[in-house]
Amino acid sequence: MQLIVTAISKAYATVQAVQQVSFQINSGEIFALLGPNGAGKSSIIRMLVGMTKPDSGSIMISYQDQHYDHVPRRLLGYLPEDRGLYADKSIEKNLLYLAQLHGISKFEALNEMEQWLEVFELTDRRHDELKQLSKGNQQKVQLIAAVLHKPALVILDEPFSGLDPVNQEKVVEFLRQLKARGMTVILSAHQMALVEKLADHMLLMAQGQVILAGTLEKIKSQSQEQKQMKVAFSTKVAQEQLEALSGVEQVAAINAQQWLLTLNQAVGVSDCLEQLLQVAELTQVEMVTTDLHQLYLTAMAKYQHSGTEGVV
């Protein structure tokens, strides 16, 4: 399966929700839509699932030599932002009913259901009514319902919402299993540390526009983050000695012998090391990696500071 989104735009009255957004997702990938509330993520999801249509641009799905301008229902698993199950029915009845709406036989649905109930530790509660479950367990049932019919594409809007850290990790494992089965997953989420574990590619949006896109490594490169290096010396050195080095933009003391250096993007690490060895004997050299959460905050700060206009 391949999904190609080309320059889609969507406006609602005076609000430009999505503006010229393009991306491509291949079979078996996990793709993350990131951005603050109002960035346009949900508008893109609504277009992908066929609830709305783009004002311009195109959505193309290729699957088993067939081509579509929307995601066919039989290929789609969807966890909406607004959840909806039957509270007075049991887990099993909810899941069987929803699976059969997708044309899955009762035998096949039961077989799939057994596997996913075990993953989420809900097997012993299969006959409990949904209203008896915590919000977290109801969320797990919703996730199972989205994949019971073995869709080619699964779209999950805030799948970690309402879950404690233990159950968030269960969802991480659930998503890895989907990927292992060859399903393509699009997820919209705010939990950057979890996204960083999972996503093959990601799209960071603000006010309907793409700010950064690609793999985590590509996004790090695009964001042009300054490099940081943690160093320690066998003897005490003066801060002024380090500030005088070529390519060192900022120096922060961690303790008497350990320092955090912020390097100019253009400076080579090997060049910096050569200079440091002239200062004193090194006992530690460690490049500090920037996580997705920090990249997100930095990118949003730069975007807001640029004063970009034309999208609300």
Protein backbone atom coordinates (compact mmCIF):
# COMPACT_ATOMS: atom_id res chain seq x y z
CA MET A 1 0.00 0.00 0.00
CA GLN A 2 1.15 3.52 -0.76
CA LEU A 3 -0.50 6.81 0.19
CA ILE A 4 0.49 9.95 -1.72
CA VAL A 5 -0.90 13.30 -0.54
CA THR A 6 -0.13 16.17 -2.90
CA ALA A 7 -0.56 19.87 -2.03
CA ILE A 8 -3.90 19.50 -0.22
CA SER A 9 -5.59 22.59 1.18
CA LYS A 10 -8.76 23.00 3.22
CA ALA A 11 -10.57 26.13 4.44
CA TYR A 12 -13.58 26.54 6.72
CA ALA A 13 -15.28 29.94 6.40
CA THR A 14 -12.47 32.38 7.29
CA VAL A 15 -10.09 29.72 8.65
CA GLN A 16 -7.37 28.22 6.43
CA ALA A 17 -7.03 24.88 8.23
CA VAL A 18 -4.59 23.19 5.83
CA GLN A 19 -2.38 24.86 3.26
CA GLN A 20 -0.47 23.04 0.50
CA VAL A 21 0.47 19.97 2.56
CA SER A 22 2.21 17.06 0.84
CA PHE A 23 3.59 13.76 2.13
CA GLN A 24 4.01 10.12 1.15
CA ILE A 25 3.63 6.97 3.27
CA ASN A 26 4.67 3.48 2.21
CA SER A 27 3.38 0.10 3.31
CA GLY A 28 4.27 -0.94 6.85
CA GLU A 29 5.41 2.51 7.99
CA ILE A 30 4.37 4.44 11.08
CA PHE A 31 3.78 8.08 10.20
CA ALA A 32 3.24 10.76 12.86
CA LEU A 33 1.28 13.99 12.45
CA LEU A 34 2.58 16.44 15.05
CA GLY A 35 1.67 19.95 16.04
CA PRO A 36 -0.27 22.01 18.59
CA ASN A 37 -4.05 22.09 18.76
CA GLY A 38 -5.36 23.89 15.69
CA ALA A 39 -2.36 22.99 13.56
CA GLY A 40 -4.51 21.18 10.97
CA LYS A 41 -3.87 17.54 11.95
CA SER A 42 -7.51 16.62 12.47
CA SER A 43 -8.49 18.37 9.23
CA ILE A 44 -6.00 16.18 7.35
CA ILE A 45 -7.34 13.06 9.06
CA ARG A 46 -10.92 13.98 8.16
CA MET A 47 -9.88 14.30 4.51
CA LEU A 48 -8.03 10.99 4.57
CA VAL A 49 -11.01 9.07 5.97
CA GLY A 50 -13.42 10.73 3.52
CA MET A 51 -15.40 12.87 5.97
CA THR A 52 -14.42 15.95 3.95
CA LYS A 53 -12.69 16.59 0.65
CA PRO A 54 -9.70 18.84 -0.09
CA ASP A 55 -10.47 22.20 -1.66
CA SER A 56 -7.42 21.60 -3.83
CA GLY A 57 -4.69 19.02 -4.19
CA SER A 58 -5.09 15.26 -4.27
CA ILE A 59 -5.08 12.09 -2.17
CA MET A 60 -4.09 8.87 -3.93
CA ILE A 61 -4.06 5.34 -2.53
CA SER A 62 -2.42 2.44 -4.34
CA TYR A 63 -3.20 -1.06 -3.09
CA GLN A 64 -2.71 -4.39 -4.89
CA ASP A 65 -2.48 -2.69 -8.32
CA GLN A 66 -5.66 -0.70 -7.66
CA HIS A 67 -5.72 3.09 -7.38
CA TYR A 68 -8.20 5.22 -5.41
CA ASP A 69 -8.71 8.93 -4.76
CA HIS A 70 -9.78 8.17 -1.19
CA VAL A 71 -9.17 5.44 1.39
CA PRO A 72 -11.68 2.62 0.74
CA ARG A 73 -13.61 1.71 3.88
CA ARG A 74 -12.55 -1.93 3.73
CA LEU A 75 -8.89 -0.88 3.86
CA LEU A 76 -9.30 1.59 6.72
CA GLY A 77 -9.11 1.23 10.49
CA TYR A 78 -9.92 4.44 12.33
CA LEU A 79 -9.73 5.61 15.94
CA PRO A 80 -11.58 8.96 15.94
CA GLU A 81 -10.91 11.82 18.31
CA ASP A 82 -14.51 11.48 19.52
CA ARG A 83 -14.82 7.88 20.69
CA GLY A 84 -18.00 5.88 20.20
CA LEU A 85 -18.88 2.42 21.52
CA TYR A 86 -22.00 0.90 23.08
CA ALA A 87 -21.64 1.44 26.82
CA ASP A 88 -24.34 -1.05 27.84
CA LYS A 89 -22.87 -3.90 25.77
CA SER A 90 -19.95 -6.15 26.66
CA ILE A 91 -16.48 -5.86 25.21
CA GLU A 92 -17.05 -9.01 23.16
CA LYS A 93 -20.42 -7.89 21.79
CA ASN A 94 -19.02 -4.47 20.84
CA LEU A 95 -16.06 -5.96 19.02
CA LEU A 96 -18.01 -8.69 17.23
CA TYR A 97 -20.63 -6.24 16.04
CA LEU A 98 -18.09 -3.75 14.71
CA ALA A 99 -16.04 -6.48 13.05
CA GLN A 100 -19.10 -7.90 11.30
CA LEU A 101 -19.95 -4.42 9.99
CA HIS A 102 -16.65 -4.71 8.12
CA GLY A 103 -17.72 -8.05 6.67
CA ILE A 104 -15.59 -10.22 8.98
CA SER A 105 -17.03 -13.60 9.92
CA LYS A 106 -17.75 -14.30 13.59
CA PHE A 107 -15.12 -17.07 13.63
CA GLU A 108 -12.40 -14.81 12.22
CA ALA A 109 -13.41 -11.91 14.47
CA LEU A 110 -13.25 -14.12 17.57
CA ASN A 111 -9.80 -15.38 16.60
CA GLU A 112 -8.45 -11.84 16.11
CA MET A 113 -10.20 -10.60 19.23
CA GLU A 114 -8.56 -13.27 21.41
CA GLN A 115 -5.11 -12.14 20.36
CA TRP A 116 -5.69 -8.44 21.00
CA LEU A 117 -7.53 -8.95 24.29
CA GLU A 118 -4.49 -10.85 25.50
CA VAL A 119 -2.15 -8.04 24.40
CA PHE A 120 -4.18 -5.53 26.42
CA GLU A 121 -4.82 -7.91 29.36
CA LEU A 122 -8.60 -7.76 28.89
CA THR A 123 -9.32 -11.46 28.30
CA ASP A 124 -10.92 -11.96 31.73
CA ARG A 125 -13.14 -8.93 31.23
CA ARG A 126 -14.51 -9.79 27.80
CA HIS A 127 -18.08 -10.15 29.14
CA ASP A 128 -18.01 -6.90 31.16
CA GLU A 129 -20.15 -4.05 29.89
CA LEU A 130 -18.14 -1.10 28.62
CA LYS A 131 -19.60 1.24 31.23
CA GLN A 132 -17.96 -0.93 33.90
CA LEU A 133 -14.50 -0.24 32.47
CA SER A 134 -12.11 2.59 33.23
CA LYS A 135 -11.56 5.18 30.49
CA GLY A 136 -8.16 3.62 29.83
CA ASN A 137 -9.63 0.17 29.27
CA GLN A 138 -12.37 1.61 27.07
CA GLN A 139 -9.61 3.20 25.02
CA LYS A 140 -7.97 -0.20 24.58
CA VAL A 141 -11.26 -1.65 23.31
CA GLN A 142 -11.51 1.22 20.80
CA LEU A 143 -8.00 0.42 19.57
CA ILE A 144 -8.88 -3.25 19.10
CA ALA A 145 -12.06 -2.28 17.25
CA ALA A 146 -9.97 -0.20 14.81
CA VAL A 147 -7.85 -3.17 13.69
CA LEU A 148 -10.03 -6.25 14.14
CA HIS A 149 -10.80 -6.42 10.41
CA LYS A 150 -7.07 -6.32 9.50
CA PRO A 151 -7.06 -2.99 7.61
CA ALA A 152 -4.17 -1.98 5.37
CA LEU A 153 -4.19 1.56 6.78
CA VAL A 154 -4.85 2.44 10.43
CA ILE A 155 -5.44 6.09 11.40
CA LEU A 156 -5.28 6.79 15.12
CA ASP A 157 -6.23 10.21 16.50
CA GLU A 158 -4.60 10.61 19.95
CA PRO A 159 -4.23 6.87 20.74
CA PHE A 160 -2.39 7.58 24.04
CA SER A 161 -5.06 9.92 25.38
CA GLY A 162 -6.28 9.07 28.87
CA LEU A 163 -3.75 6.30 29.44
CA ASP A 164 -1.27 6.02 32.31
CA PRO A 165 2.41 5.36 31.49
CA VAL A 166 2.07 1.58 31.84
CA ASN A 167 -0.83 1.43 29.40
CA GLN A 168 0.86 3.91 27.06
CA GLU A 169 3.67 1.38 26.75
CA LYS A 170 1.09 -1.30 25.92
CA VAL A 171 -0.12 0.90 23.06
CA VAL A 172 3.48 1.31 21.90
CA GLU A 173 3.76 -2.49 21.74
CA PHE A 174 0.37 -2.67 20.00
CA LEU A 175 1.60 -0.26 17.31
CA ARG A 176 4.80 -2.23 16.85
CA GLN A 177 2.74 -5.35 16.30
CA LEU A 178 0.65 -3.57 13.67
CA LYS A 179 3.84 -2.58 11.89
CA ALA A 180 5.15 -6.16 12.13
CA ARG A 181 1.92 -7.32 10.46
CA GLY A 182 2.59 -4.96 7.56
CA MET A 183 -0.13 -2.43 8.42
CA THR A 184 0.50 1.24 7.67
CA VAL A 185 -0.20 3.50 10.64
CA ILE A 186 -0.89 7.23 10.79
CA LEU A 187 -1.02 8.62 14.29
CA SER A 188 -1.70 12.07 15.63
CA ALA A 189 -0.26 12.48 19.12
CA HIS A 190 1.24 14.94 21.58
CA GLN A 191 3.43 12.45 23.47
CA MET A 192 6.76 13.16 21.78
CA ALA A 193 8.81 10.58 23.69
CA LEU A 194 6.44 7.83 22.55
CA VAL A 195 6.31 9.09 18.97
CA GLU A 196 10.11 9.15 18.88
CA LYS A 197 10.15 5.42 19.71
CA LEU A 198 7.77 4.53 16.90
CA ALA A 199 7.63 6.85 13.92
CA ASP A 200 9.51 6.09 10.70
CA HIS A 201 8.55 9.51 9.35
CA MET A 202 6.84 12.52 10.84
CA LEU A 203 5.26 15.80 9.82
CA LEU A 204 5.39 18.79 12.16
CA MET A 205 2.67 21.37 11.45
CA ALA A 206 1.68 24.81 12.68
CA GLN A 207 -1.34 26.82 11.53
CA GLY A 208 -2.02 24.52 8.61
CA GLN A 209 1.51 24.54 7.22
CA VAL A 210 4.38 22.05 7.24
CA ILE A 211 7.23 23.22 9.45
CA LEU A 212 9.45 20.13 9.42
CA ALA A 213 9.09 16.74 7.73
CA GLY A 214 10.98 13.48 7.33
CA THR A 215 12.78 10.99 9.53
CA LEU A 216 13.94 12.06 12.97
CA GLU A 217 17.48 12.44 11.66
CA LYS A 218 16.29 14.53 8.73
CA ILE A 219 14.23 16.73 11.04
CA LYS A 220 17.27 17.27 13.25
CA SER A 221 19.18 18.36 10.17
CA GLN A 222 16.35 20.61 8.92
CA SER A 223 15.97 22.29 12.30
CA GLN A 224 19.66 23.23 12.22
CA GLU A 225 20.02 22.63 15.93
CA GLN A 226 23.33 23.68 17.41
CA LYS A 227 25.54 20.80 18.44
CA GLN A 228 26.24 20.32 22.12
CA MET A 229 29.17 18.49 23.67
CA LYS A 230 29.69 17.47 27.27
CA VAL A 231 33.37 17.38 28.23
CA ALA A 232 35.42 16.79 31.39
CA PHE A 233 39.08 17.42 32.11
CA SER A 234 41.59 15.79 34.44
CA THR A 235 42.47 19.22 35.84
CA LYS A 236 40.59 22.42 36.51
CA VAL A 237 40.25 24.77 33.52
CA ALA A 238 38.97 28.32 33.29
CA GLN A 239 35.71 29.08 31.51
CA GLU A 240 37.48 31.80 29.54
CA GLN A 241 39.79 29.19 27.99
CA LEU A 242 36.83 27.30 26.58
CA GLU A 243 34.95 30.41 25.43
CA ALA A 244 38.03 31.42 23.43
CA LEU A 245 37.96 28.27 21.31
CA SER A 246 36.96 28.64 17.66
CA GLY A 247 33.39 27.47 17.00
CA VAL A 248 32.31 27.41 20.66
CA GLU A 249 29.30 29.69 21.04
CA GLN A 250 28.37 29.06 24.65
CA VAL A 251 29.94 27.44 27.71
CA ALA A 252 28.08 26.24 30.80
CA ALA A 253 29.72 24.71 33.87
CA ILE A 254 28.25 21.43 35.09
CA ASN A 255 30.81 21.15 37.92
CA ALA A 256 34.43 22.15 38.54
CA GLN A 257 35.78 19.82 35.83
CA GLN A 258 32.78 19.15 33.58
CA TRP A 259 31.39 21.53 30.96
CA LEU A 260 28.59 21.76 28.41
CA LEU A 261 29.74 23.36 25.17
CA THR A 262 27.35 24.68 22.52
CA LEU A 263 29.04 24.55 19.12
CA ASN A 264 28.48 26.49 15.95
CA GLN A 265 26.67 24.34 13.38
CA ALA A 266 29.53 24.80 10.93
CA VAL A 267 32.31 23.64 13.24
CA GLY A 268 33.54 20.06 12.92
CA VAL A 269 33.60 17.89 16.03
CA SER A 270 37.14 16.70 15.25
CA ASP A 271 38.34 20.32 14.96
CA CYS A 272 36.82 21.11 18.32
CA LEU A 273 38.44 18.05 19.92
CA GLU A 274 41.86 19.11 18.65
CA GLN A 275 41.42 22.48 20.33
CA LEU A 276 40.17 20.93 23.57
CA LEU A 277 43.22 18.67 23.78
CA GLN A 278 45.37 21.79 23.76
CA VAL A 279 43.53 23.05 26.87
CA ALA A 280 43.99 20.02 29.14
CA GLU A 281 43.73 16.23 29.22
CA LEU A 282 40.18 15.08 28.41
CA THR A 283 38.52 12.44 30.58
CA GLN A 284 35.06 12.60 28.96
CA VAL A 285 33.70 13.57 25.57
CA GLU A 286 30.00 13.04 24.87
CA MET A 287 27.78 14.52 22.19
CA VAL A 288 24.43 15.56 23.65
CA THR A 289 21.52 14.35 21.54
CA THR A 290 18.41 16.48 21.15
CA ASP A 291 15.16 14.58 21.60
CA LEU A 292 11.99 15.07 19.54
CA HIS A 293 10.29 17.03 22.31
CA GLN A 294 13.04 19.66 22.31
CA LEU A 295 13.13 19.76 18.50
CA TYR A 296 9.37 20.35 18.50
CA LEU A 297 9.60 23.20 21.03
CA THR A 298 12.50 24.80 19.18
CA ALA A 299 10.79 24.55 15.79
CA MET A 300 7.56 26.04 17.16
CA ALA A 301 9.45 28.88 18.85
CA LYS A 302 11.28 29.70 15.60
CA TYR A 303 8.02 29.56 13.64
CA GLN A 304 6.21 31.87 16.05
CA HIS A 305 9.17 34.24 16.18
CA SER A 306 9.23 34.48 12.37
CA GLY A 307 5.77 36.06 12.47
CA THR A 308 4.42 33.88 9.66
CA GLU A 309 1.09 35.24 8.48
CA GLY A 310 -1.71 34.18 6.19
CA VAL A 311 -2.87 31.09 8.06
CA VAL A 312 -5.07 31.08 11.13
